[in-house]
């Protein structure tokens, strides 16, 4: 767990909550990759609301910035927007929390690890539970139990009419052979 994620978890209303951990992990992964004015792709008002709901003791962005890690590589804006739209198109409800979570998952997809790791979750099963409850249409479409990041990029490529596709950070992953084995 990185410094920013640790600080957020200390300030969390419910540190055991899956969604809280996903927000903290996504912020750790993407801090610095998204413009500072738009953490997780959110405007300042939405981000402040997220902080107040999940991390009430960490509502000062300047204090968070002091412990912010370098983050993943510079934001791939079009990619983030496409991932966000995919998630928003398949969300289970129109609530703020699910909209914020879509931004968090899209931002974490830009990280270099497995998506569940970049979301700060304990394992892939937790990510699958999150997908099942928050993005049920995508969960249902992943009938082959494909790795989530790979699945998202496959969906994006399908939308664009591209047949061969992989997530851009996958080729450098130590688990490449496991993830790209038969589904």
N, C-alpha and C. Protein backbone atom coordinates (compact mmCIF):
# COMPACT_ATOMS: atom_id res chain seq x y z
N UNK A 1 0.85 -1.17 0.00
CA UNK A 1 0.00 0.00 0.00
C UNK A 1 0.90 1.23 0.00
N UNK A 2 0.64 2.15 -0.91
CA UNK A 2 1.43 3.35 -1.03
C UNK A 2 1.04 4.41 0.00
N UNK A 3 1.81 5.49 0.03
CA UNK A 3 1.61 6.55 1.02
C UNK A 3 0.24 7.21 0.90
N UNK A 4 -0.19 7.52 -0.30
CA UNK A 4 -1.49 8.18 -0.48
C UNK A 4 -2.62 7.25 -0.07
N UNK A 5 -2.55 6.00 -0.50
CA UNK A 5 -3.59 5.04 -0.15
C UNK A 5 -3.63 4.84 1.37
N UNK A 6 -2.48 4.74 2.01
CA UNK A 6 -2.43 4.60 3.47
C UNK A 6 -3.08 5.78 4.17
N UNK A 7 -2.75 6.98 3.70
CA UNK A 7 -3.32 8.19 4.29
C UNK A 7 -4.84 8.20 4.12
N UNK A 8 -5.30 7.83 2.94
CA UNK A 8 -6.74 7.80 2.70
C UNK A 8 -7.43 6.76 3.58
N UNK A 9 -6.82 5.60 3.73
CA UNK A 9 -7.46 4.55 4.54
C UNK A 9 -7.51 4.96 6.01
N UNK A 10 -6.53 5.71 6.47
CA UNK A 10 -6.58 6.22 7.85
C UNK A 10 -7.71 7.23 8.02
N UNK A 11 -8.05 7.91 6.95
CA UNK A 11 -9.10 8.93 6.99
C UNK A 11 -10.47 8.38 6.58
N UNK A 12 -10.53 7.09 6.27
CA UNK A 12 -11.76 6.50 5.74
C UNK A 12 -12.84 6.36 6.80
N UNK A 13 -14.06 6.57 6.36
CA UNK A 13 -15.23 6.34 7.21
C UNK A 13 -15.35 4.85 7.54
N UNK A 14 -15.15 3.98 6.52
CA UNK A 14 -15.23 2.54 6.70
C UNK A 14 -14.12 1.87 5.89
N UNK A 15 -12.94 1.71 6.50
CA UNK A 15 -11.79 1.15 5.78
C UNK A 15 -11.99 -0.27 5.25
N UNK A 16 -12.94 -1.01 5.77
CA UNK A 16 -13.18 -2.37 5.30
C UNK A 16 -14.09 -2.42 4.07
N UNK A 17 -14.75 -1.33 3.76
CA UNK A 17 -15.69 -1.27 2.65
C UNK A 17 -14.96 -1.43 1.31
N UNK A 18 -15.48 -2.32 0.46
CA UNK A 18 -14.88 -2.62 -0.84
C UNK A 18 -14.77 -1.37 -1.71
N UNK A 19 -15.82 -0.59 -1.78
CA UNK A 19 -15.82 0.61 -2.62
C UNK A 19 -14.82 1.64 -2.09
N UNK A 20 -14.75 1.79 -0.78
CA UNK A 20 -13.78 2.71 -0.18
C UNK A 20 -12.36 2.31 -0.57
N UNK A 21 -12.05 1.02 -0.46
CA UNK A 21 -10.72 0.54 -0.82
C UNK A 21 -10.44 0.74 -2.30
N UNK A 22 -11.46 0.56 -3.15
CA UNK A 22 -11.28 0.76 -4.59
C UNK A 22 -10.98 2.23 -4.90
N UNK A 23 -11.67 3.14 -4.25
CA UNK A 23 -11.38 4.57 -4.47
C UNK A 23 -9.96 4.90 -4.03
N UNK A 24 -9.56 4.43 -2.86
CA UNK A 24 -8.21 4.72 -2.36
C UNK A 24 -7.15 4.13 -3.28
N UNK A 25 -7.35 2.90 -3.74
CA UNK A 25 -6.39 2.27 -4.63
C UNK A 25 -6.30 2.98 -5.97
N UNK A 26 -7.45 3.36 -6.53
CA UNK A 26 -7.45 4.06 -7.82
C UNK A 26 -6.77 5.42 -7.69
N UNK A 27 -6.98 6.10 -6.59
CA UNK A 27 -6.30 7.38 -6.39
C UNK A 27 -4.79 7.19 -6.29
N UNK A 28 -4.38 6.16 -5.58
CA UNK A 28 -2.94 5.85 -5.47
C UNK A 28 -2.35 5.59 -6.85
N UNK A 29 -3.04 4.78 -7.65
CA UNK A 29 -2.55 4.40 -8.97
C UNK A 29 -2.51 5.57 -9.94
N UNK A 30 -3.54 6.40 -9.91
CA UNK A 30 -3.69 7.40 -10.97
C UNK A 30 -3.29 8.81 -10.58
N UNK A 31 -2.93 9.03 -9.32
CA UNK A 31 -2.59 10.39 -8.89
C UNK A 31 -1.41 10.89 -9.72
N UNK A 32 -1.58 12.01 -10.35
CA UNK A 32 -0.54 12.56 -11.19
C UNK A 32 -0.74 12.20 -12.66
N UNK A 33 -1.52 11.15 -12.94
CA UNK A 33 -1.79 10.78 -14.32
C UNK A 33 -2.97 11.58 -14.87
N UNK A 34 -3.88 11.93 -13.98
CA UNK A 34 -5.01 12.78 -14.36
C UNK A 34 -4.65 14.21 -13.94
N UNK A 35 -5.19 15.19 -14.64
CA UNK A 35 -4.90 16.56 -14.22
C UNK A 35 -5.26 16.75 -12.74
N UNK A 36 -4.42 17.46 -12.00
CA UNK A 36 -4.62 17.64 -10.56
C UNK A 36 -6.01 18.19 -10.26
N UNK A 37 -6.56 18.97 -11.17
CA UNK A 37 -7.89 19.54 -10.94
C UNK A 37 -8.99 18.51 -11.15
N UNK A 38 -8.65 17.31 -11.66
CA UNK A 38 -9.68 16.30 -11.95
C UNK A 38 -9.25 14.91 -11.48
N UNK A 39 -9.04 14.71 -10.18
CA UNK A 39 -8.69 13.36 -9.71
C UNK A 39 -9.80 12.37 -10.06
N UNK A 40 -9.44 11.20 -10.54
CA UNK A 40 -10.37 10.18 -11.02
C UNK A 40 -11.27 10.70 -12.13
N UNK A 41 -10.87 11.78 -12.77
CA UNK A 41 -11.68 12.36 -13.84
C UNK A 41 -12.85 13.17 -13.34
N UNK A 42 -12.91 13.39 -12.04
CA UNK A 42 -14.04 14.10 -11.44
C UNK A 42 -13.76 15.59 -11.35
N UNK A 43 -14.81 16.38 -11.44
CA UNK A 43 -14.64 17.81 -11.19
C UNK A 43 -14.42 18.01 -9.69
N UNK A 44 -13.99 19.19 -9.31
CA UNK A 44 -13.62 19.47 -7.92
C UNK A 44 -14.79 19.24 -6.95
N UNK A 45 -15.99 19.64 -7.34
CA UNK A 45 -17.16 19.47 -6.46
C UNK A 45 -17.45 17.99 -6.23
N UNK A 46 -17.43 17.20 -7.30
CA UNK A 46 -17.67 15.76 -7.16
C UNK A 46 -16.58 15.08 -6.35
N UNK A 47 -15.32 15.49 -6.58
CA UNK A 47 -14.23 14.89 -5.83
C UNK A 47 -14.33 15.23 -4.35
N UNK A 48 -14.67 16.47 -4.04
CA UNK A 48 -14.85 16.86 -2.63
C UNK A 48 -15.98 16.05 -1.99
N UNK A 49 -17.06 15.83 -2.75
CA UNK A 49 -18.18 15.03 -2.23
C UNK A 49 -17.73 13.59 -1.96
N UNK A 50 -16.93 13.02 -2.87
CA UNK A 50 -16.39 11.67 -2.68
C UNK A 50 -15.53 11.63 -1.41
N UNK A 51 -14.64 12.60 -1.27
CA UNK A 51 -13.79 12.64 -0.07
C UNK A 51 -14.61 12.74 1.21
N UNK A 52 -15.60 13.59 1.21
CA UNK A 52 -16.42 13.78 2.41
C UNK A 52 -17.20 12.51 2.75
N UNK A 53 -17.65 11.79 1.74
CA UNK A 53 -18.43 10.57 1.99
C UNK A 53 -17.55 9.41 2.43
N UNK A 54 -16.40 9.23 1.79
CA UNK A 54 -15.58 8.04 2.05
C UNK A 54 -14.36 8.31 2.91
N UNK A 55 -13.80 9.50 2.82
CA UNK A 55 -12.57 9.83 3.55
C UNK A 55 -12.74 11.18 4.24
N UNK A 56 -13.66 11.27 5.19
CA UNK A 56 -14.01 12.57 5.77
C UNK A 56 -12.87 13.31 6.45
N UNK A 57 -11.86 12.59 6.92
CA UNK A 57 -10.74 13.25 7.57
C UNK A 57 -9.66 13.68 6.58
N UNK A 58 -9.86 13.46 5.28
CA UNK A 58 -8.86 13.80 4.26
C UNK A 58 -9.45 14.72 3.20
N UNK A 59 -10.22 15.70 3.64
CA UNK A 59 -10.91 16.54 2.65
C UNK A 59 -10.07 17.70 2.14
N UNK A 60 -8.82 17.77 2.52
CA UNK A 60 -7.94 18.84 2.05
C UNK A 60 -7.04 18.31 0.94
N UNK A 61 -7.31 18.72 -0.28
CA UNK A 61 -6.52 18.24 -1.43
C UNK A 61 -5.05 18.59 -1.30
N UNK A 62 -4.73 19.74 -0.74
CA UNK A 62 -3.32 20.11 -0.64
C UNK A 62 -2.57 19.15 0.28
N UNK A 63 -3.22 18.67 1.34
CA UNK A 63 -2.59 17.70 2.23
C UNK A 63 -2.38 16.37 1.50
N UNK A 64 -3.34 15.99 0.67
CA UNK A 64 -3.19 14.76 -0.10
C UNK A 64 -2.04 14.89 -1.10
N UNK A 65 -1.93 16.04 -1.71
CA UNK A 65 -0.91 16.24 -2.74
C UNK A 65 0.50 16.09 -2.17
N UNK A 66 0.68 16.41 -0.90
CA UNK A 66 2.00 16.30 -0.28
C UNK A 66 2.49 14.86 -0.23
N UNK A 67 1.57 13.89 -0.17
CA UNK A 67 1.97 12.49 -0.09
C UNK A 67 1.72 11.75 -1.40
N UNK A 68 1.33 12.47 -2.43
CA UNK A 68 0.97 11.83 -3.70
C UNK A 68 2.18 11.17 -4.35
N UNK A 69 2.02 9.94 -4.81
CA UNK A 69 3.08 9.28 -5.55
C UNK A 69 3.16 9.82 -6.97
N UNK A 70 4.11 9.34 -7.71
CA UNK A 70 4.26 9.79 -9.10
C UNK A 70 3.08 9.38 -9.96
N UNK A 71 2.40 8.30 -9.62
CA UNK A 71 1.25 7.83 -10.40
C UNK A 71 1.70 7.04 -11.62
N UNK A 72 0.74 6.58 -12.39
CA UNK A 72 1.07 5.85 -13.60
C UNK A 72 1.49 6.83 -14.68
N UNK A 73 1.89 6.31 -15.83
CA UNK A 73 2.37 7.19 -16.88
C UNK A 73 1.32 8.22 -17.26
N UNK A 74 1.74 9.26 -17.91
CA UNK A 74 0.85 10.37 -18.25
C UNK A 74 -0.46 9.87 -18.85
N UNK A 75 -1.51 10.52 -18.46
CA UNK A 75 -2.86 10.12 -18.86
C UNK A 75 -2.99 9.96 -20.36
N UNK A 76 -3.54 8.84 -20.73
CA UNK A 76 -3.91 8.61 -22.11
C UNK A 76 -5.38 9.01 -22.20
N UNK A 77 -5.63 10.30 -22.47
CA UNK A 77 -6.96 10.90 -22.33
C UNK A 77 -8.03 10.18 -23.13
N UNK A 78 -7.78 9.87 -24.38
CA UNK A 78 -8.80 9.20 -25.19
C UNK A 78 -9.12 7.83 -24.62
N UNK A 79 -8.11 7.14 -24.19
CA UNK A 79 -8.28 5.80 -23.63
C UNK A 79 -9.11 5.87 -22.35
N UNK A 80 -8.76 6.81 -21.47
CA UNK A 80 -9.52 6.99 -20.23
C UNK A 80 -10.97 7.29 -20.55
N UNK A 81 -11.21 8.21 -21.48
CA UNK A 81 -12.58 8.59 -21.84
C UNK A 81 -13.35 7.39 -22.39
N UNK A 82 -12.72 6.58 -23.22
CA UNK A 82 -13.38 5.40 -23.78
C UNK A 82 -13.72 4.38 -22.69
N UNK A 83 -12.78 4.14 -21.78
CA UNK A 83 -13.03 3.22 -20.67
C UNK A 83 -14.15 3.74 -19.78
N UNK A 84 -14.10 5.02 -19.47
CA UNK A 84 -15.14 5.61 -18.64
C UNK A 84 -16.51 5.46 -19.30
N UNK A 85 -16.60 5.75 -20.58
CA UNK A 85 -17.88 5.65 -21.28
C UNK A 85 -18.39 4.21 -21.30
N UNK A 86 -17.49 3.25 -21.50
CA UNK A 86 -17.88 1.84 -21.47
C UNK A 86 -18.51 1.50 -20.13
N UNK A 87 -17.87 1.91 -19.06
CA UNK A 87 -18.38 1.62 -17.72
C UNK A 87 -19.70 2.36 -17.46
N UNK A 88 -19.77 3.62 -17.84
CA UNK A 88 -21.01 4.37 -17.63
C UNK A 88 -22.17 3.79 -18.43
N UNK A 89 -21.88 3.29 -19.61
CA UNK A 89 -22.93 2.69 -20.45
C UNK A 89 -23.48 1.40 -19.85
N UNK A 90 -22.74 0.79 -18.94
CA UNK A 90 -23.14 -0.49 -18.38
C UNK A 90 -23.33 -0.45 -16.86
N UNK A 91 -23.47 0.72 -16.30
CA UNK A 91 -23.63 0.80 -14.84
C UNK A 91 -25.03 0.35 -14.43
N UNK A 92 -25.10 -0.12 -13.22
CA UNK A 92 -26.36 -0.64 -12.70
C UNK A 92 -27.31 0.42 -12.19
N UNK A 93 -26.79 1.61 -11.90
CA UNK A 93 -27.64 2.70 -11.43
C UNK A 93 -27.00 4.03 -11.82
N UNK A 94 -27.75 5.09 -11.67
CA UNK A 94 -27.26 6.41 -12.07
C UNK A 94 -26.75 7.23 -10.88
N UNK A 95 -26.53 6.58 -9.75
CA UNK A 95 -26.09 7.28 -8.55
C UNK A 95 -24.67 7.82 -8.66
N UNK A 96 -24.39 8.80 -7.81
CA UNK A 96 -23.05 9.40 -7.78
C UNK A 96 -21.97 8.37 -7.52
N UNK A 97 -22.22 7.49 -6.55
CA UNK A 97 -21.19 6.53 -6.17
C UNK A 97 -20.77 5.66 -7.36
N UNK A 98 -21.74 5.19 -8.13
CA UNK A 98 -21.41 4.34 -9.28
C UNK A 98 -20.72 5.15 -10.37
N UNK A 99 -21.12 6.39 -10.56
CA UNK A 99 -20.45 7.26 -11.53
C UNK A 99 -19.00 7.50 -11.10
N UNK A 100 -18.80 7.77 -9.82
CA UNK A 100 -17.44 7.96 -9.31
C UNK A 100 -16.63 6.68 -9.46
N UNK A 101 -17.27 5.56 -9.18
CA UNK A 101 -16.58 4.27 -9.27
C UNK A 101 -16.18 3.98 -10.72
N UNK A 102 -17.00 4.36 -11.68
CA UNK A 102 -16.64 4.19 -13.09
C UNK A 102 -15.36 4.97 -13.39
N UNK A 103 -15.25 6.19 -12.87
CA UNK A 103 -14.03 6.98 -13.04
C UNK A 103 -12.84 6.33 -12.39
N UNK A 104 -13.05 5.74 -11.21
CA UNK A 104 -11.96 5.08 -10.49
C UNK A 104 -11.48 3.85 -11.25
N UNK A 105 -12.40 3.04 -11.75
CA UNK A 105 -12.01 1.83 -12.49
C UNK A 105 -11.30 2.22 -13.78
N UNK A 106 -11.83 3.23 -14.49
CA UNK A 106 -11.18 3.68 -15.73
C UNK A 106 -9.78 4.19 -15.45
N UNK A 107 -9.60 4.96 -14.39
CA UNK A 107 -8.27 5.48 -14.03
C UNK A 107 -7.33 4.33 -13.65
N UNK A 108 -7.83 3.36 -12.90
CA UNK A 108 -7.00 2.24 -12.47
C UNK A 108 -6.59 1.36 -13.66
N UNK A 109 -7.40 1.34 -14.70
CA UNK A 109 -7.04 0.56 -15.91
C UNK A 109 -5.76 1.08 -16.54
N UNK A 110 -5.40 2.32 -16.27
CA UNK A 110 -4.19 2.91 -16.84
C UNK A 110 -2.94 2.51 -16.05
N UNK A 111 -3.13 1.83 -14.94
CA UNK A 111 -2.00 1.37 -14.14
C UNK A 111 -1.31 0.18 -14.78
N UNK A 112 -0.18 -0.20 -14.24
CA UNK A 112 0.63 -1.26 -14.83
C UNK A 112 0.45 -2.64 -14.23
N UNK A 113 -0.42 -2.78 -13.24
CA UNK A 113 -0.62 -4.07 -12.58
C UNK A 113 -1.97 -4.65 -12.98
N UNK A 114 -2.31 -5.77 -12.38
CA UNK A 114 -3.65 -6.29 -12.56
C UNK A 114 -4.63 -5.24 -12.06
N UNK A 115 -5.80 -5.18 -12.66
CA UNK A 115 -6.76 -4.14 -12.29
C UNK A 115 -7.13 -4.22 -10.81
N UNK A 116 -7.32 -5.41 -10.29
CA UNK A 116 -7.68 -5.51 -8.87
C UNK A 116 -6.57 -4.95 -7.99
N UNK A 117 -5.31 -5.10 -8.41
CA UNK A 117 -4.20 -4.54 -7.64
C UNK A 117 -4.19 -3.02 -7.74
N UNK A 118 -4.40 -2.50 -8.95
CA UNK A 118 -4.39 -1.04 -9.12
C UNK A 118 -5.60 -0.38 -8.46
N UNK A 119 -6.62 -1.16 -8.13
CA UNK A 119 -7.75 -0.66 -7.35
C UNK A 119 -7.53 -0.85 -5.85
N UNK A 120 -6.42 -1.46 -5.48
CA UNK A 120 -6.13 -1.66 -4.05
C UNK A 120 -6.98 -2.73 -3.41
N UNK A 121 -7.48 -3.67 -4.21
CA UNK A 121 -8.31 -4.74 -3.67
C UNK A 121 -7.45 -5.94 -3.30
N UNK A 122 -7.99 -6.82 -2.49
CA UNK A 122 -7.22 -7.96 -1.99
C UNK A 122 -7.01 -9.04 -3.04
N UNK A 123 -7.95 -9.17 -3.98
CA UNK A 123 -7.86 -10.23 -4.98
C UNK A 123 -8.83 -9.96 -6.12
N UNK A 124 -8.75 -10.78 -7.13
CA UNK A 124 -9.59 -10.63 -8.32
C UNK A 124 -11.07 -10.85 -7.98
N UNK A 125 -11.35 -11.73 -7.02
CA UNK A 125 -12.73 -12.03 -6.64
C UNK A 125 -13.43 -10.76 -6.12
N UNK A 126 -12.69 -9.91 -5.41
CA UNK A 126 -13.30 -8.66 -4.93
C UNK A 126 -13.67 -7.76 -6.11
N UNK A 127 -12.81 -7.70 -7.11
CA UNK A 127 -13.13 -6.91 -8.30
C UNK A 127 -14.35 -7.48 -9.00
N UNK A 128 -14.42 -8.79 -9.11
CA UNK A 128 -15.57 -9.43 -9.74
C UNK A 128 -16.85 -9.12 -8.97
N UNK A 129 -16.80 -9.14 -7.65
CA UNK A 129 -17.96 -8.76 -6.84
C UNK A 129 -18.39 -7.32 -7.11
N UNK A 130 -17.41 -6.44 -7.21
CA UNK A 130 -17.68 -5.04 -7.50
C UNK A 130 -18.34 -4.90 -8.87
N UNK A 131 -17.82 -5.61 -9.86
CA UNK A 131 -18.40 -5.56 -11.20
C UNK A 131 -19.83 -6.11 -11.20
N UNK A 132 -20.03 -7.18 -10.48
CA UNK A 132 -21.36 -7.82 -10.43
C UNK A 132 -22.40 -6.89 -9.84
N UNK A 133 -22.04 -6.15 -8.79
CA UNK A 133 -23.01 -5.29 -8.14
C UNK A 133 -23.15 -3.91 -8.78
N UNK A 134 -22.07 -3.36 -9.32
CA UNK A 134 -22.11 -1.99 -9.85
C UNK A 134 -22.24 -1.91 -11.36
N UNK A 135 -21.73 -2.90 -12.06
CA UNK A 135 -21.76 -2.90 -13.53
C UNK A 135 -22.26 -4.27 -14.01
N UNK A 136 -23.51 -4.61 -13.65
CA UNK A 136 -24.01 -5.97 -13.89
C UNK A 136 -24.06 -6.36 -15.36
N UNK A 137 -24.28 -5.43 -16.26
CA UNK A 137 -24.34 -5.77 -17.69
C UNK A 137 -22.96 -6.20 -18.18
N UNK A 138 -21.90 -5.53 -17.75
CA UNK A 138 -20.54 -5.94 -18.13
C UNK A 138 -20.19 -7.27 -17.47
N UNK A 139 -20.58 -7.43 -16.23
CA UNK A 139 -20.35 -8.69 -15.53
C UNK A 139 -20.98 -9.85 -16.31
N UNK A 140 -22.21 -9.67 -16.76
CA UNK A 140 -22.91 -10.71 -17.51
C UNK A 140 -22.24 -10.99 -18.86
N UNK A 141 -21.71 -9.97 -19.48
CA UNK A 141 -21.05 -10.15 -20.78
C UNK A 141 -19.73 -10.90 -20.66
N UNK A 142 -19.11 -10.85 -19.49
CA UNK A 142 -17.83 -11.53 -19.29
C UNK A 142 -18.09 -12.99 -18.90
N UNK A 143 -18.81 -13.70 -19.74
CA UNK A 143 -19.22 -15.07 -19.45
C UNK A 143 -18.04 -16.05 -19.44
N UNK A 144 -16.92 -15.69 -20.05
CA UNK A 144 -15.74 -16.55 -20.06
C UNK A 144 -14.80 -16.29 -18.91
N UNK A 145 -15.19 -15.42 -17.98
CA UNK A 145 -14.37 -15.09 -16.82
C UNK A 145 -12.99 -14.54 -17.24
N UNK A 146 -12.99 -13.76 -18.33
CA UNK A 146 -11.77 -13.13 -18.81
C UNK A 146 -11.26 -12.14 -17.76
N UNK A 147 -9.97 -11.93 -17.68
CA UNK A 147 -9.41 -10.92 -16.78
C UNK A 147 -10.06 -9.59 -17.12
N UNK A 148 -10.40 -8.80 -16.11
CA UNK A 148 -11.23 -7.62 -16.32
C UNK A 148 -10.60 -6.56 -17.22
N UNK A 149 -9.35 -6.26 -17.02
CA UNK A 149 -8.72 -5.23 -17.87
C UNK A 149 -8.71 -5.70 -19.32
N UNK A 150 -8.32 -6.95 -19.52
CA UNK A 150 -8.32 -7.52 -20.87
C UNK A 150 -9.74 -7.47 -21.45
N UNK A 151 -10.73 -7.81 -20.64
CA UNK A 151 -12.12 -7.80 -21.09
C UNK A 151 -12.56 -6.39 -21.51
N UNK A 152 -12.22 -5.39 -20.70
CA UNK A 152 -12.60 -4.01 -21.05
C UNK A 152 -12.01 -3.59 -22.39
N UNK A 153 -10.73 -3.88 -22.59
CA UNK A 153 -10.09 -3.49 -23.84
C UNK A 153 -10.66 -4.28 -25.02
N UNK A 154 -11.01 -5.51 -24.79
CA UNK A 154 -11.65 -6.30 -25.85
C UNK A 154 -13.00 -5.67 -26.21
N UNK A 155 -13.73 -5.19 -25.23
CA UNK A 155 -15.00 -4.52 -25.49
C UNK A 155 -14.78 -3.23 -26.29
N UNK A 156 -13.76 -2.47 -25.91
CA UNK A 156 -13.46 -1.23 -26.64
C UNK A 156 -13.06 -1.53 -28.08
N UNK A 157 -12.25 -2.56 -28.25
CA UNK A 157 -11.84 -2.92 -29.61
C UNK A 157 -13.04 -3.40 -30.43
N UNK A 158 -13.95 -4.13 -29.80
CA UNK A 158 -15.16 -4.56 -30.48
C UNK A 158 -16.01 -3.39 -30.93
N UNK A 159 -16.09 -2.37 -30.08
CA UNK A 159 -16.84 -1.15 -30.44
C UNK A 159 -16.21 -0.47 -31.65
N UNK A 160 -14.88 -0.55 -31.73
CA UNK A 160 -14.15 0.11 -32.82
C UNK A 160 -14.00 -0.79 -34.05
N UNK A 161 -14.48 -2.03 -33.96
CA UNK A 161 -14.37 -2.95 -35.09
C UNK A 161 -13.00 -3.54 -35.28
N UNK A 162 -12.21 -3.60 -34.21
CA UNK A 162 -10.85 -4.17 -34.27
C UNK A 162 -10.91 -5.58 -33.69
N UNK A 163 -10.38 -6.55 -34.41
CA UNK A 163 -10.46 -7.95 -33.95
C UNK A 163 -9.36 -8.32 -32.97
N UNK A 164 -8.11 -7.99 -33.24
CA UNK A 164 -6.99 -8.33 -32.35
C UNK A 164 -6.71 -7.15 -31.45
N UNK A 165 -6.76 -7.39 -30.15
CA UNK A 165 -6.65 -6.27 -29.21
C UNK A 165 -6.14 -6.77 -27.87
N UNK A 166 -5.34 -5.93 -27.20
CA UNK A 166 -4.92 -6.23 -25.83
C UNK A 166 -4.73 -4.93 -25.07
N UNK A 167 -4.83 -5.02 -23.76
CA UNK A 167 -4.62 -3.85 -22.92
C UNK A 167 -3.16 -3.40 -23.05
N UNK A 168 -2.91 -2.10 -23.15
CA UNK A 168 -1.56 -1.62 -23.44
C UNK A 168 -0.51 -1.94 -22.38
N UNK A 169 -0.89 -2.12 -21.14
CA UNK A 169 0.12 -2.40 -20.11
C UNK A 169 0.35 -3.90 -19.94
N UNK A 170 -0.39 -4.73 -20.63
CA UNK A 170 -0.30 -6.18 -20.42
C UNK A 170 1.00 -6.80 -20.91
N UNK A 171 1.55 -6.30 -21.98
CA UNK A 171 2.74 -6.95 -22.53
C UNK A 171 3.95 -6.88 -21.61
N UNK A 172 3.96 -5.99 -20.64
CA UNK A 172 5.09 -5.89 -19.72
C UNK A 172 4.82 -6.59 -18.38
N UNK A 173 3.67 -7.23 -18.27
CA UNK A 173 3.27 -7.86 -17.01
C UNK A 173 3.91 -9.24 -16.86
N UNK A 174 4.33 -9.57 -15.67
CA UNK A 174 4.93 -10.88 -15.40
C UNK A 174 3.93 -12.01 -15.56
N UNK A 175 2.64 -11.72 -15.46
CA UNK A 175 1.60 -12.74 -15.59
C UNK A 175 1.00 -12.80 -16.99
N UNK A 176 1.68 -12.24 -17.98
CA UNK A 176 1.15 -12.18 -19.34
C UNK A 176 0.70 -13.56 -19.84
N UNK A 177 1.51 -14.60 -19.65
CA UNK A 177 1.16 -15.93 -20.14
C UNK A 177 -0.10 -16.47 -19.47
N UNK A 178 -0.27 -16.17 -18.20
CA UNK A 178 -1.46 -16.64 -17.48
C UNK A 178 -2.71 -15.93 -18.00
N UNK A 179 -2.63 -14.62 -18.14
CA UNK A 179 -3.80 -13.85 -18.56
C UNK A 179 -4.19 -14.10 -20.01
N UNK A 180 -3.21 -14.34 -20.85
CA UNK A 180 -3.50 -14.51 -22.27
C UNK A 180 -3.52 -15.97 -22.68
N UNK A 181 -3.72 -16.84 -21.69
CA UNK A 181 -3.96 -18.25 -21.98
C UNK A 181 -5.42 -18.41 -22.39
N UNK A 182 -5.89 -19.62 -22.58
CA UNK A 182 -7.28 -19.82 -22.98
C UNK A 182 -8.22 -19.37 -21.86
N UNK A 183 -9.30 -18.73 -22.24
CA UNK A 183 -10.28 -18.24 -21.26
C UNK A 183 -11.27 -19.35 -20.95
